Amino acid sequence: MANFGLGWQEGLSSWVLVGAASGCGVHALWKALDQDVLDLRQPVASPAEVPALPAGRGLVVVVNPHSGPSSEVDAAEQVGALLP
């Protein structure tokens, strides 16, 4: 901690005030920003119409086994069971 000639109690309270002011500033900035821009749940692109593949030939499915809640079920097996 920087020493500005203050006792440690006064120095500590100064840093607490600086932290509180910084938090209030970030909160005000966050509220001022456009919330639609900050909503990361919106899809990046709309779903595409694609032709059906005969017997699934050429279909590639990518599975991230570490996404979502942990489960005893293998993610690849679970997706495979849902496909015809």
Protein backbone atom coordinates (compact mmCIF):
# COMPACT_ATOMS: atom_id res chain seq x y z
CA MET A 1 0.00 0.00 0.00
CA ALA A 2 1.31 3.44 -0.83
CA ASN A 3 2.28 5.68 2.08
CA PHE A 4 1.04 9.24 1.72
CA GLY A 5 1.98 10.33 5.24
CA LEU A 6 -1.24 8.98 6.72
CA GLY A 7 -1.69 6.40 9.42
CA TRP A 8 -2.69 2.95 8.24
CA GLN A 9 -6.31 3.48 9.31
CA GLU A 10 -6.67 6.68 7.31
CA GLY A 11 -4.88 5.13 4.33
CA LEU A 12 -7.13 2.10 4.44
CA SER A 13 -10.29 4.17 4.57
CA SER A 14 -9.04 6.19 1.58
CA TRP A 15 -8.61 3.01 -0.46
CA VAL A 16 -12.06 1.81 0.60
CA LEU A 17 -13.57 5.09 -0.60
CA VAL A 18 -11.67 4.83 -3.91
CA GLY A 19 -12.98 1.28 -4.38
CA ALA A 20 -16.55 2.26 -3.60
CA ALA A 21 -16.40 5.21 -6.00
CA SER A 22 -14.95 2.98 -8.72
CA GLY A 23 -17.74 0.45 -8.22
CA CYS A 24 -20.39 3.17 -8.45
CA GLY A 25 -18.79 4.50 -11.64
CA VAL A 26 -18.74 1.08 -13.29
CA HIS A 27 -22.36 0.49 -12.26
CA ALA A 28 -23.45 3.83 -13.76
CA LEU A 29 -21.54 3.09 -16.97
CA TRP A 30 -23.07 -0.39 -17.21
CA LYS A 31 -26.59 1.04 -16.83
CA ALA A 32 -25.88 3.68 -19.50
CA LEU A 33 -24.79 1.14 -22.12
CA ASP A 34 -27.32 -0.30 -24.52
CA GLN A 35 -28.55 -3.52 -22.91
CA ASP A 36 -29.30 -5.14 -26.30
CA VAL A 37 -25.60 -4.95 -27.16
CA LEU A 38 -24.70 -6.55 -23.84
CA ASP A 39 -27.16 -9.44 -24.20
CA LEU A 40 -24.87 -12.26 -25.31
CA ARG A 41 -27.69 -14.81 -25.39
CA GLN A 42 -28.98 -13.53 -28.71
CA PRO A 43 -28.09 -15.79 -31.64
CA VAL A 44 -25.34 -14.57 -33.92
CA ALA A 45 -27.09 -15.85 -37.06
CA SER A 46 -30.49 -17.25 -37.87
CA PRO A 47 -30.82 -21.00 -38.51
CA ALA A 48 -30.09 -22.02 -42.10
CA GLU A 49 -32.31 -24.21 -44.26
CA VAL A 50 -30.31 -27.20 -45.45
CA PRO A 51 -31.30 -30.24 -47.51
CA ALA A 52 -31.87 -33.57 -45.79
CA LEU A 53 -28.97 -35.99 -46.14
CA PRO A 54 -29.81 -39.50 -47.34
CA ALA A 55 -29.17 -41.81 -44.34
CA GLY A 56 -27.17 -39.00 -42.72
CA ARG A 57 -24.31 -39.54 -45.16
CA GLY A 58 -21.79 -36.71 -44.80
CA LEU A 59 -23.30 -35.40 -41.57
CA VAL A 60 -20.75 -34.20 -39.02
CA VAL A 61 -21.79 -33.56 -35.41
CA VAL A 62 -19.37 -31.85 -33.05
CA VAL A 63 -19.89 -32.46 -29.34
CA ASN A 64 -18.17 -30.59 -26.52
CA PRO A 65 -18.20 -33.12 -23.68
CA HIS A 66 -17.13 -30.50 -21.12
CA SER A 67 -20.01 -28.06 -21.73
CA GLY A 68 -23.11 -27.98 -19.60
CA PRO A 69 -23.68 -29.77 -16.31
CA SER A 70 -21.60 -32.83 -15.59
CA SER A 71 -23.38 -36.07 -16.31
CA GLU A 72 -22.65 -39.75 -16.22
CA VAL A 73 -24.08 -40.09 -19.74
CA ASP A 74 -21.62 -39.81 -22.62
CA ALA A 75 -22.56 -36.71 -24.65
CA ALA A 76 -21.78 -38.39 -28.00
CA GLU A 77 -24.01 -41.36 -27.12
CA GLN A 78 -26.81 -39.05 -25.99
CA VAL A 79 -26.74 -37.07 -29.26
CA GLY A 80 -26.49 -40.28 -31.30
CA ALA A 81 -29.57 -41.67 -29.58
CA LEU A 82 -31.56 -38.59 -30.60
CA LEU A 83 -30.65 -38.87 -34.27
CA PRO A 84 -32.45 -41.28 -36.60
